[in-house]
Protein backbone atom coordinates (compact mmCIF):
# COMPACT_ATOMS: atom_id res chain seq x y z
CA UNK A 1 12.79 -30.40 -1.60
CA UNK A 2 14.41 -29.29 -4.89
CA UNK A 3 12.31 -31.85 -6.79
CA UNK A 4 9.21 -29.82 -5.91
CA UNK A 5 10.71 -26.52 -7.06
CA UNK A 6 9.20 -25.31 -10.33
CA UNK A 7 11.42 -22.26 -10.79
CA UNK A 8 15.18 -21.86 -10.47
CA UNK A 9 16.45 -19.84 -7.54
CA UNK A 10 18.65 -16.86 -8.24
CA UNK A 11 20.96 -15.70 -5.46
CA UNK A 12 20.18 -12.05 -4.92
CA UNK A 13 20.54 -9.81 -1.91
CA UNK A 14 17.96 -7.09 -2.48
CA UNK A 15 16.52 -4.65 0.07
CA UNK A 16 12.77 -5.15 0.51
CA UNK A 17 10.14 -3.85 2.88
CA UNK A 18 7.90 -6.51 4.36
CA UNK A 19 4.63 -5.66 6.10
CA UNK A 20 1.70 -7.57 7.49
CA UNK A 21 0.70 -9.10 10.81
CA UNK A 22 3.16 -11.01 12.98
CA UNK A 23 2.41 -14.28 14.78
CA UNK A 24 0.72 -12.31 17.61
CA UNK A 25 -1.58 -10.48 15.19
CA UNK A 26 0.23 -7.16 15.53
CA UNK A 27 0.82 -5.07 12.43
CA UNK A 28 4.46 -4.49 11.51
CA UNK A 29 6.64 -3.18 8.72
CA UNK A 30 10.39 -3.68 8.47
CA UNK A 31 13.26 -3.48 6.05
CA UNK A 32 14.82 -6.91 5.35
CA UNK A 33 16.71 -8.47 2.45
CA UNK A 34 16.27 -11.33 0.03
CA UNK A 35 18.66 -14.29 0.08
CA UNK A 36 17.42 -15.67 -3.21
CA UNK A 37 14.47 -15.10 -5.51
CA UNK A 38 12.37 -16.85 -8.16
CA UNK A 39 9.58 -15.66 -10.42
CA UNK A 40 7.08 -17.05 -7.88
CA UNK A 41 8.78 -16.57 -4.54
CA UNK A 42 11.65 -15.50 -2.36
CA UNK A 43 13.69 -16.45 0.66
CA UNK A 44 14.19 -13.59 3.11
CA UNK A 45 16.76 -13.02 5.83
CA UNK A 46 16.99 -10.59 8.78
CA UNK A 47 13.27 -10.83 9.58
CA UNK A 48 12.92 -9.71 13.20
CA UNK A 49 9.25 -10.69 13.62
CA UNK A 50 7.90 -14.21 13.98
CA UNK A 51 5.55 -14.90 11.10
CA UNK A 52 2.86 -17.56 10.95
CA UNK A 53 3.04 -20.12 8.14
CA UNK A 54 0.15 -19.37 5.79
CA UNK A 55 0.08 -15.64 6.65
CA UNK A 56 -0.22 -13.14 3.83
CA UNK A 57 2.37 -10.37 3.72
CA UNK A 58 3.19 -7.53 1.37
CA UNK A 59 6.67 -7.13 -0.10
CA UNK A 60 7.81 -3.85 -1.59
CA UNK A 61 10.84 -3.78 -3.88
CA UNK A 62 11.64 -0.34 -5.25
CA UNK A 63 8.22 1.11 -6.16
CA UNK A 64 6.55 -2.27 -6.76
CA UNK A 65 4.42 -4.23 -4.29
CA UNK A 66 3.16 -7.82 -4.31
CA UNK A 67 1.38 -10.16 -1.91
CA UNK A 68 3.11 -13.35 -0.75
CA UNK A 69 2.19 -16.29 1.49
CA UNK A 70 4.63 -17.46 4.16
CA UNK A 71 5.39 -21.13 3.38
CA UNK A 72 8.03 -21.71 6.05
CA UNK A 73 9.84 -19.84 8.79
CA UNK A 74 12.93 -20.76 10.81
CA UNK A 75 14.84 -18.94 13.54
CA UNK A 76 18.49 -18.12 12.86
CA UNK A 77 20.50 -19.91 15.58
CA UNK A 78 22.05 -17.48 18.07
CA UNK A 79 20.29 -14.43 16.63
CA UNK A 80 16.97 -12.70 17.19
CA UNK A 81 15.88 -13.01 13.58
CA UNK A 82 14.26 -15.46 11.18
CA UNK A 83 14.59 -16.67 7.62
CA UNK A 84 11.32 -17.12 5.78
CA UNK A 85 10.23 -18.71 2.52
CA UNK A 86 7.56 -16.98 0.47
CA UNK A 87 5.30 -17.90 -2.42
CA UNK A 88 3.60 -15.27 -4.59
CA UNK A 89 -0.19 -15.20 -4.30
CA UNK A 90 -0.65 -13.70 -7.78
CA UNK A 91 2.03 -13.76 -10.43
CA UNK A 92 3.48 -10.28 -10.62
CA UNK A 93 7.01 -9.83 -11.92
CA UNK A 94 8.23 -8.03 -8.79
CA UNK A 95 11.90 -8.77 -9.51
CA UNK A 96 11.99 -8.28 -13.29
CA UNK A 97 12.63 -11.99 -13.95
CA UNK A 98 9.98 -12.57 -16.62
CA UNK A 99 10.93 -14.28 -19.88
CA UNK A 100 11.13 -10.97 -21.71
CA UNK A 101 13.44 -9.46 -19.07
CA UNK A 102 15.65 -12.57 -19.00
CA UNK A 103 15.91 -12.56 -22.81
CA UNK A 104 17.02 -8.92 -22.77
CA UNK A 105 19.71 -9.65 -20.17
CA UNK A 106 20.98 -12.71 -22.07
CA UNK A 107 21.09 -10.80 -25.37
CA UNK A 108 23.27 -8.01 -23.98
CA UNK A 109 27.02 -8.32 -24.54
CA UNK A 110 29.16 -8.56 -21.44
CA UNK A 111 30.84 -5.26 -20.72
CA UNK A 112 33.84 -4.84 -18.50
CA UNK A 113 34.51 -1.62 -16.63
CA UNK A 114 38.14 -0.56 -16.62
CA UNK A 115 39.62 1.82 -14.11
CA UNK A 116 41.73 4.59 -15.55
CA UNK A 117 44.76 5.65 -13.55
CA UNK A 118 44.51 9.28 -12.57
CA UNK A 119 40.92 9.58 -13.74
């Protein structure tokens, strides 16, 4: 499966709102989280609705929204939730992973926070 992947996955647990129609055709909206992200997709966890492969959904991260297609869905064993894989319909840098953003992050020096006793 990794041979097909065009973009590197980045482990990131980010709160996102997902909305669309579930497998029964009912509209829903719920707060879930990412497990990992790429420029063109995401893997979500804690999805409580069954979603149909091929369905279009909307993800909202902070104040930004983008449309994604469900490419796979699997139930989490022993839980009433699913993990789903998504592919962006149109390239929109929802996560801030574009080349310019990555270059800015890489160019910044690493800073360490130090705790001051009694501060």
